Amino acid sequence: MKTKIQTIFHNQFHKAPEKTYFSPGRVNIIGEHTDYNGGLVMPFCLDQGVYASVSSRTDGIFNVYSENFADKGIITFDIDHLDKDPMRDYANYISGMVLEFKPMIGSKPSGFDLAIISDLPVGGGLSSSAAVLVLIAKILCDQHALNLSRIDLAILSKKVENQYIGVNCGIMDQFIIANGKPDSAIYLDSASLAYEYVPCLLNGYTFLLVNSNVTRKLTESKYNVRQKESLELLHILQKHVSIDHVCELTPEDYHKYETYVSQNDLKKRFKHLVDENHRVKLARQMLISNDFKTLGMLLNEAHASVRDLYEVSSEVLDQLVEMALVSGSLGSRMIGGGFGGSTLNLVETAKVERFIKTFSIHYQKAFGKEPVIHQVKIVGGVSEI
């Protein structure tokens, strides 16, 4: 892919790039919708992502080309016109990040020619948008020799997604893409940003991703609705207990305070959040102790919770989980914001071929085509390659 993106860059801009980068997608093992509720998550970086080749300019012009949206050609904007523009399409992610960096760039010569290509499925729940944002943050940081940490890159990327793009996401996606390490997950407290690396070698087990082929844009789904519900729930609970985030509470606390939550939907969101946060703690212990059977059970419980309590799954995702379980998966759940995306499946390595064969039979019977299955390799975060 490195050679491919460099060739694409040369074909579009008729020169060789100065630098080439890779920004991975992410998979969250467990901890769904807890990150914007001050809770725990445990993601890792995926060996699929966004590749970019870039050369600097000094005239304030930004030329952007994506091989995934080749029909849009080269999209151009300049340093003095960075407001969000529907005509700019996907390049708004890039102009939004440039706008965030503009005060730090100051009067320095700026601009770049950029070509990108992604092997992440758009809307696949693997955080293609965060991969692009962290990528651009890293490029701008390097281009202008700014003294920013990788945590800074994550925080800036989240700010752009929240305030410029309009998705009220948490910090998880940006944090893992900026800070990921090979063969490790990050156990992250999204409220304090305290984190630790948890070895994720799997030892005889394999994570498989299945793409639902149902794409959705989070700004057009109920993702922001769930975020608003979480805030409403928090405000109700704060009348009775001193907390800053819902996920400060435990499953035991749920039974203390549920009576104060009259709306049934909010009560379900409450139960999911405290139970899911607890499952992340347990999953960390299972990874450390190599107890993959219990980890699989936690994944199954997590899916049931997002399906029945947080209500962000879909009919197709539920089908994929059921197919995986009858095909030999120890644990399966939807990943990402919901309403589409992918499923994560934990399978014994010795049984991967049998799983794929059996799952494919079920999938073809249900959907009339071959499934898209990816055997996961855990890699490091955004970097120059």
Protein backbone atom coordinates (compact mmCIF):
# COMPACT_ATOMS: atom_id res chain seq x y z
CA MET A 1 0.00 0.00 0.00
CA LYS A 2 2.93 2.36 0.60
CA THR A 3 4.05 2.04 -3.02
CA LYS A 4 0.46 2.31 -4.21
CA ILE A 5 -0.27 5.60 -2.43
CA GLN A 6 3.07 7.04 -3.56
CA THR A 7 2.19 6.15 -7.15
CA ILE A 8 -1.27 7.69 -6.78
CA PHE A 9 0.31 10.87 -5.41
CA HIS A 10 2.74 11.06 -8.35
CA ASN A 11 -0.06 10.54 -10.87
CA GLN A 12 -2.16 13.32 -9.34
CA PHE A 13 0.50 15.90 -8.54
CA HIS A 14 3.27 14.97 -11.01
CA LYS A 15 6.01 14.85 -8.41
CA ALA A 16 7.27 12.52 -5.71
CA PRO A 17 5.85 12.91 -2.18
CA GLU A 18 8.03 14.11 0.68
CA LYS A 19 6.52 11.77 3.28
CA THR A 20 4.13 8.83 3.55
CA TYR A 21 2.01 7.95 6.59
CA PHE A 22 -0.29 5.22 7.91
CA SER A 23 -3.17 5.85 10.31
CA PRO A 24 -4.94 2.70 11.51
CA GLY A 25 -8.56 1.97 12.17
CA ARG A 26 -9.50 0.78 15.61
CA VAL A 27 -11.39 -2.09 17.18
CA ASN A 28 -12.77 -1.78 20.69
CA ILE A 29 -12.72 -5.14 22.44
CA ILE A 30 -15.32 -4.00 24.93
CA GLY A 31 -16.72 -0.80 26.41
CA GLU A 32 -19.35 0.48 24.00
CA HIS A 33 -20.68 4.03 24.41
CA THR A 34 -18.89 4.33 27.75
CA ASP A 35 -16.21 6.74 26.49
CA TYR A 36 -18.48 9.80 26.27
CA ASN A 37 -19.90 8.85 29.67
CA GLY A 38 -16.59 9.02 31.51
CA GLY A 39 -16.09 5.27 31.46
CA LEU A 40 -13.55 2.61 30.58
CA VAL A 41 -12.74 1.23 27.13
CA MET A 42 -10.21 -1.28 25.80
CA PRO A 43 -9.44 -0.74 22.10
CA PHE A 44 -6.54 -1.67 19.81
CA CYS A 45 -5.26 -0.52 16.43
CA LEU A 46 -6.17 -2.54 13.36
CA ASP A 47 -3.93 -3.43 10.41
CA GLN A 48 -6.34 -1.69 8.06
CA GLY A 49 -6.43 2.06 7.83
CA VAL A 50 -5.68 5.21 5.88
CA TYR A 51 -2.46 5.69 3.90
CA ALA A 52 -1.30 9.14 2.85
CA SER A 53 1.48 10.69 0.81
CA VAL A 54 2.10 14.40 1.21
CA SER A 55 4.30 17.28 0.08
CA SER A 56 4.42 20.73 1.66
CA ARG A 57 3.38 23.96 -0.02
CA THR A 58 4.14 27.55 1.01
CA ASP A 59 1.24 29.37 -0.63
CA GLY A 60 -1.57 28.53 1.81
CA ILE A 61 -3.23 26.15 -0.67
CA PHE A 62 -4.36 22.64 0.30
CA ASN A 63 -4.96 20.14 -2.52
CA VAL A 64 -6.54 16.87 -1.45
CA TYR A 65 -7.17 13.72 -3.47
CA SER A 66 -8.74 10.48 -2.22
CA GLU A 67 -8.53 7.34 -4.31
CA ASN A 68 -11.68 6.13 -2.51
CA PHE A 69 -13.57 9.13 -3.88
CA ALA A 70 -11.74 9.43 -7.20
CA ASP A 71 -14.83 10.81 -8.93
CA LYS A 72 -14.50 14.00 -6.86
CA GLY A 73 -11.03 14.68 -8.25
CA ILE A 74 -8.67 17.04 -6.41
CA ILE A 75 -10.46 19.16 -3.81
CA THR A 76 -8.82 22.52 -3.13
CA PHE A 77 -9.20 25.01 -0.30
CA ASP A 78 -6.96 27.69 1.20
CA ILE A 79 -5.80 28.77 4.63
CA ASP A 80 -8.14 31.79 4.68
CA HIS A 81 -11.33 29.86 3.82
CA LEU A 82 -11.64 26.95 6.25
CA ASP A 83 -15.28 27.13 7.33
CA LYS A 84 -17.16 23.87 6.85
CA ASP A 85 -18.43 23.58 3.29
CA PRO A 86 -20.83 20.83 2.11
CA MET A 87 -19.26 21.02 -1.35
CA ARG A 88 -15.94 19.98 0.18
CA ASP A 89 -17.40 16.59 1.14
CA TYR A 90 -14.92 14.28 2.97
CA ALA A 91 -12.23 17.00 2.78
CA ASN A 92 -14.06 18.83 5.57
CA TYR A 93 -12.26 16.48 7.95
CA ILE A 94 -9.01 17.92 6.61
CA SER A 95 -10.04 21.59 6.52
CA GLY A 96 -11.45 21.22 10.05
CA MET A 97 -8.10 20.02 11.34
CA VAL A 98 -6.23 22.77 9.47
CA LEU A 99 -8.56 25.31 11.11
CA GLU A 100 -7.74 23.85 14.54
CA PHE A 101 -4.00 24.10 13.83
CA LYS A 102 -4.16 27.57 12.25
CA PRO A 103 -3.40 29.50 15.50
CA MET A 104 -0.37 27.23 16.10
CA ILE A 105 0.86 27.63 12.52
CA GLY A 106 0.64 31.41 12.73
CA SER A 107 2.42 33.19 9.92
CA LYS A 108 4.50 30.16 8.91
CA PRO A 109 4.27 29.18 5.22
CA SER A 110 1.57 26.53 4.98
CA GLY A 111 -0.32 24.24 2.66
CA PHE A 112 0.15 20.76 1.22
CA ASP A 113 -0.62 18.41 -1.62
CA LEU A 114 -2.13 15.25 -0.18
CA ALA A 115 -3.23 11.89 -1.58
CA ILE A 116 -4.95 9.31 0.59
CA ILE A 117 -6.30 5.80 0.20
CA SER A 118 -8.12 3.67 2.75
CA ASP A 119 -8.74 -0.04 3.01
CA LEU A 120 -11.18 0.56 5.88
CA PRO A 121 -14.84 0.04 4.99
CA VAL A 122 -16.58 3.43 5.18
CA GLY A 123 -19.25 3.23 7.87
CA GLY A 124 -17.85 -0.14 8.97
CA GLY A 125 -17.59 0.86 12.61
CA LEU A 126 -13.77 0.83 12.49
CA SER A 127 -13.39 4.59 12.88
CA SER A 128 -12.31 5.71 9.43
CA SER A 129 -13.15 9.31 10.34
CA ALA A 130 -10.91 9.36 13.42
CA ALA A 131 -8.14 7.71 11.39
CA VAL A 132 -8.26 10.62 8.93
CA LEU A 133 -8.38 13.28 11.65
CA VAL A 134 -5.43 11.88 13.62
CA LEU A 135 -3.53 11.42 10.35
CA ILE A 136 -3.92 15.09 9.42
CA ALA A 137 -3.05 16.17 12.95
CA LYS A 138 0.17 14.15 12.75
CA ILE A 139 1.03 15.54 9.30
CA LEU A 140 0.48 19.15 10.40
CA CYS A 141 2.41 18.58 13.61
CA ASP A 142 5.39 17.18 11.69
CA GLN A 143 5.14 19.75 8.90
CA HIS A 144 5.42 22.67 11.31
CA ALA A 145 7.66 20.99 13.92
CA LEU A 146 5.10 21.58 16.67
CA ASN A 147 5.81 20.28 20.16
CA LEU A 148 2.60 18.30 20.63
CA SER A 149 2.21 14.97 22.40
CA ARG A 150 0.23 12.08 20.97
CA ILE A 151 -2.40 12.73 23.62
CA ASP A 152 -2.60 16.31 22.31
CA LEU A 153 -3.21 14.94 18.80
CA ALA A 154 -6.08 12.82 20.12
CA ILE A 155 -7.68 15.71 22.01
CA LEU A 156 -7.47 18.04 19.00
CA SER A 157 -8.93 15.38 16.71
CA LYS A 158 -11.87 14.80 19.06
CA LYS A 159 -12.50 18.55 19.20
CA VAL A 160 -12.73 18.75 15.40
CA GLU A 161 -15.09 15.78 15.22
CA ASN A 162 -17.32 17.25 17.95
CA GLN A 163 -17.36 20.93 17.03
CA TYR A 164 -16.61 21.06 13.30
CA ILE A 165 -17.97 17.79 11.94
CA GLY A 166 -20.83 17.59 14.45
CA VAL A 167 -20.51 14.10 15.95
CA ASN A 168 -20.65 14.05 19.76
CA CYS A 169 -18.17 11.18 20.08
CA GLY A 170 -15.90 10.42 23.00
CA ILE A 171 -12.11 10.29 23.05
CA MET A 172 -11.58 6.55 22.52
CA ASP A 173 -11.11 6.39 18.75
CA GLN A 174 -8.71 9.28 18.51
CA PHE A 175 -6.77 8.18 21.59
CA ILE A 176 -6.02 4.65 20.44
CA ILE A 177 -5.17 5.72 16.87
CA ALA A 178 -2.70 8.27 18.23
CA ASN A 179 -1.24 6.04 20.95
CA GLY A 180 -1.61 2.41 19.88
CA LYS A 181 1.17 -0.19 20.23
CA PRO A 182 1.61 -3.50 18.35
CA ASP A 183 0.11 -6.56 20.07
CA SER A 184 -1.45 -4.40 22.78
CA ALA A 185 -4.82 -3.00 23.70
CA ILE A 186 -5.16 0.21 25.70
CA TYR A 187 -7.14 0.14 28.93
CA LEU A 188 -8.30 3.74 29.01
CA ASP A 189 -10.21 5.79 31.57
CA SER A 190 -11.89 8.27 29.25
CA ALA A 191 -12.59 10.76 32.05
CA SER A 192 -9.02 11.15 33.35
CA LEU A 193 -7.18 9.84 30.25
CA ALA A 194 -5.20 7.55 32.55
CA TYR A 195 -4.26 4.46 30.58
CA GLU A 196 -2.19 1.31 30.50
CA TYR A 197 -1.14 -1.05 27.74
CA VAL A 198 -2.58 -4.55 28.09
CA PRO A 199 -0.75 -7.32 26.17
CA CYS A 200 -3.06 -8.75 23.52
CA LEU A 201 -1.16 -11.70 22.04
CA LEU A 202 -4.28 -13.94 22.24
CA ASN A 203 -2.21 -17.18 22.49
CA GLY A 204 -4.17 -19.66 20.40
CA TYR A 205 -7.13 -17.41 19.73
CA THR A 206 -7.92 -14.98 16.91
CA PHE A 207 -10.13 -11.94 16.46
CA LEU A 208 -12.12 -11.94 13.22
CA LEU A 209 -14.06 -8.96 11.88
CA VAL A 210 -17.19 -9.38 9.81
CA ASN A 211 -18.40 -6.31 7.90
CA SER A 212 -22.18 -5.97 7.93
CA ASN A 213 -22.07 -4.02 4.63
CA VAL A 214 -24.60 -1.68 6.22
CA THR A 215 -23.08 1.80 6.20
CA ARG A 216 -24.31 4.71 8.24
CA LYS A 217 -23.12 8.20 9.04
CA LEU A 218 -23.13 8.84 12.76
CA THR A 219 -24.45 12.36 12.23
CA GLU A 220 -27.48 10.81 10.52
CA SER A 221 -28.06 7.99 13.00
CA LYS A 222 -29.30 7.94 16.58
CA TYR A 223 -25.75 8.23 17.92
CA ASN A 224 -26.22 11.88 18.89
CA VAL A 225 -29.62 10.99 20.36
CA ARG A 226 -27.95 8.49 22.69
CA GLN A 227 -25.43 11.12 23.69
CA LYS A 228 -28.25 13.53 24.58
CA GLU A 229 -30.03 10.80 26.53
CA SER A 230 -26.83 10.16 28.47
CA LEU A 231 -26.62 13.84 29.45
CA GLU A 232 -30.27 13.82 30.51
CA LEU A 233 -29.63 10.72 32.60
CA LEU A 234 -26.57 12.33 34.19
CA HIS A 235 -28.52 15.45 35.16
CA ILE A 236 -31.21 13.32 36.82
CA LEU A 237 -28.65 11.31 38.78
CA GLN A 238 -26.68 14.39 39.86
CA LYS A 239 -29.70 15.49 41.89
CA HIS A 240 -29.13 12.45 44.11
CA VAL A 241 -25.43 11.59 43.96
CA SER A 242 -22.25 13.65 43.47
CA ILE A 243 -20.84 12.47 40.13
CA ASP A 244 -19.41 14.02 36.98
CA HIS A 245 -20.09 11.03 34.73
CA VAL A 246 -22.64 8.20 34.71
CA CYS A 247 -19.87 5.59 34.52
CA GLU A 248 -18.59 6.58 37.97
CA LEU A 249 -21.46 4.48 39.27
CA THR A 250 -21.37 0.69 39.66
CA PRO A 251 -23.89 -2.09 38.98
CA GLU A 252 -24.67 -1.99 42.72
CA ASP A 253 -25.34 1.76 42.47
CA TYR A 254 -27.85 1.09 39.70
CA HIS A 255 -30.13 -0.59 42.23
CA LYS A 256 -29.74 2.37 44.60
CA TYR A 257 -30.63 5.07 42.10
CA GLU A 258 -32.82 3.49 39.40
CA THR A 259 -35.98 4.57 41.22
CA TYR A 260 -35.07 8.21 40.52
CA VAL A 261 -35.07 7.53 36.77
CA SER A 262 -38.70 7.44 35.69
CA GLN A 263 -38.24 7.09 31.92
CA ASN A 264 -37.88 3.44 30.96
CA ASP A 265 -35.51 4.24 28.06
CA LEU A 266 -33.18 6.19 30.33
CA LYS A 267 -33.31 3.42 32.91
CA LYS A 268 -32.14 0.97 30.24
CA ARG A 269 -29.31 3.30 29.18
CA PHE A 270 -28.29 3.58 32.85
CA LYS A 271 -28.09 -0.18 33.31
CA HIS A 272 -26.10 -0.68 30.13
CA LEU A 273 -23.52 1.95 31.05
CA VAL A 274 -22.76 0.71 34.57
CA ASP A 275 -22.76 -2.95 33.55
CA GLU A 276 -20.63 -2.33 30.46
CA ASN A 277 -18.11 -0.32 32.44
CA HIS A 278 -17.80 -3.24 34.86
CA ARG A 279 -17.38 -5.67 31.95
CA VAL A 280 -14.35 -3.68 30.75
CA LYS A 281 -12.68 -4.19 34.13
CA LEU A 282 -13.38 -7.92 33.95
CA ALA A 283 -12.22 -8.18 30.33
CA ARG A 284 -8.87 -6.62 31.24
CA GLN A 285 -8.40 -9.31 33.88
CA MET A 286 -9.35 -12.04 31.39
CA LEU A 287 -6.80 -10.81 28.83
CA ILE A 288 -4.05 -10.67 31.43
CA SER A 289 -4.87 -14.17 32.70
CA ASN A 290 -5.45 -15.61 29.18
CA ASP A 291 -9.00 -16.66 30.10
CA PHE A 292 -10.48 -16.38 26.62
CA LYS A 293 -13.59 -18.44 27.32
CA THR A 294 -14.70 -15.94 29.94
CA LEU A 295 -13.70 -13.08 27.64
CA GLY A 296 -15.97 -14.60 24.99
CA MET A 297 -18.85 -14.69 27.48
CA LEU A 298 -18.28 -11.01 28.26
CA LEU A 299 -18.43 -10.16 24.54
CA ASN A 300 -21.76 -11.97 24.26
CA GLU A 301 -23.13 -10.14 27.30
CA ALA A 302 -21.92 -6.84 25.85
CA HIS A 303 -23.77 -7.42 22.59
CA ALA A 304 -26.99 -8.35 24.38
CA SER A 305 -26.68 -5.11 26.34
CA VAL A 306 -26.20 -2.81 23.34
CA ARG A 307 -29.03 -4.65 21.62
CA ASP A 308 -31.59 -4.64 24.42
CA LEU A 309 -30.59 -1.80 26.74
CA TYR A 310 -28.69 0.82 24.77
CA GLU A 311 -30.57 -0.13 21.59
CA VAL A 312 -27.90 0.69 19.03
CA SER A 313 -27.65 -2.65 17.25
CA SER A 314 -29.54 -3.60 14.10
CA GLU A 315 -31.31 -6.62 12.68
CA VAL A 316 -28.34 -7.41 10.42
CA LEU A 317 -25.78 -7.08 13.22
CA ASP A 318 -27.87 -9.35 15.44
CA GLN A 319 -28.03 -11.90 12.63
CA LEU A 320 -24.26 -11.79 12.18
CA VAL A 321 -23.72 -12.38 15.90
CA GLU A 322 -26.08 -15.36 15.91
CA MET A 323 -24.43 -16.81 12.80
CA ALA A 324 -21.01 -16.46 14.39
CA LEU A 325 -22.04 -18.19 17.59
CA VAL A 326 -23.50 -21.19 15.78
CA SER A 327 -20.36 -21.28 13.59
CA GLY A 328 -18.05 -21.71 16.57
CA SER A 329 -17.25 -18.22 17.88
CA LEU A 330 -16.62 -18.07 21.63
CA GLY A 331 -17.91 -14.51 21.74
CA SER A 332 -19.33 -12.03 19.25
CA ARG A 333 -20.59 -8.47 19.41
CA MET A 334 -21.21 -5.44 17.28
CA ILE A 335 -18.51 -2.77 17.36
CA GLY A 336 -18.61 0.93 16.63
CA GLY A 337 -21.35 3.48 17.12
CA GLY A 338 -24.06 1.06 16.04
CA PHE A 339 -26.88 0.86 13.49
CA GLY A 340 -24.43 -0.75 11.04
CA GLY A 341 -20.72 -1.43 10.97
CA SER A 342 -19.01 -4.70 11.86
CA THR A 343 -18.92 -7.50 14.40
CA LEU A 344 -15.94 -8.70 16.42
CA ASN A 345 -15.62 -12.45 16.87
CA LEU A 346 -13.28 -14.43 19.14
CA VAL A 347 -12.38 -17.79 17.61
CA GLU A 348 -9.85 -20.48 18.49
CA THR A 349 -7.03 -20.17 15.96
CA ALA A 350 -7.12 -23.89 15.18
CA LYS A 351 -10.81 -23.54 14.25
CA VAL A 352 -10.63 -20.36 12.15
CA GLU A 353 -10.91 -22.15 8.78
CA ARG A 354 -13.88 -24.19 9.99
CA PHE A 355 -15.51 -21.04 11.38
CA ILE A 356 -15.10 -19.15 8.09
CA LYS A 357 -16.47 -22.07 6.06
CA THR A 358 -19.50 -22.59 8.31
CA PHE A 359 -20.19 -18.88 8.72
CA SER A 360 -19.99 -18.36 4.96
CA ILE A 361 -22.63 -21.01 4.38
CA HIS A 362 -25.02 -19.29 6.80
CA TYR A 363 -24.22 -15.86 5.36
CA GLN A 364 -24.74 -16.90 1.75
CA LYS A 365 -28.06 -18.48 2.66
CA ALA A 366 -29.22 -15.27 4.36
CA PHE A 367 -27.76 -12.63 2.03
CA GLY A 368 -26.94 -14.37 -1.23
CA LYS A 369 -23.29 -13.33 -1.33
CA GLU A 370 -19.90 -13.99 0.25
CA PRO A 371 -19.19 -12.38 3.63
CA VAL A 372 -16.35 -9.91 4.15
CA ILE A 373 -14.19 -11.44 6.91
CA HIS A 374 -10.88 -10.00 8.10
CA GLN A 375 -8.43 -11.80 10.39
CA VAL A 376 -7.10 -9.11 12.68
CA LYS A 377 -3.50 -8.13 13.29
CA ILE A 378 -2.93 -5.62 16.11
CA VAL A 379 -0.57 -2.79 15.07
CA GLY A 380 0.78 0.52 16.34
CA GLY A 381 -0.75 3.97 16.05
CA VAL A 382 -0.39 6.70 13.44
CA SER A 383 3.14 6.98 12.06
CA GLU A 384 5.30 7.99 9.16
CA ILE A 385 6.24 4.93 7.08
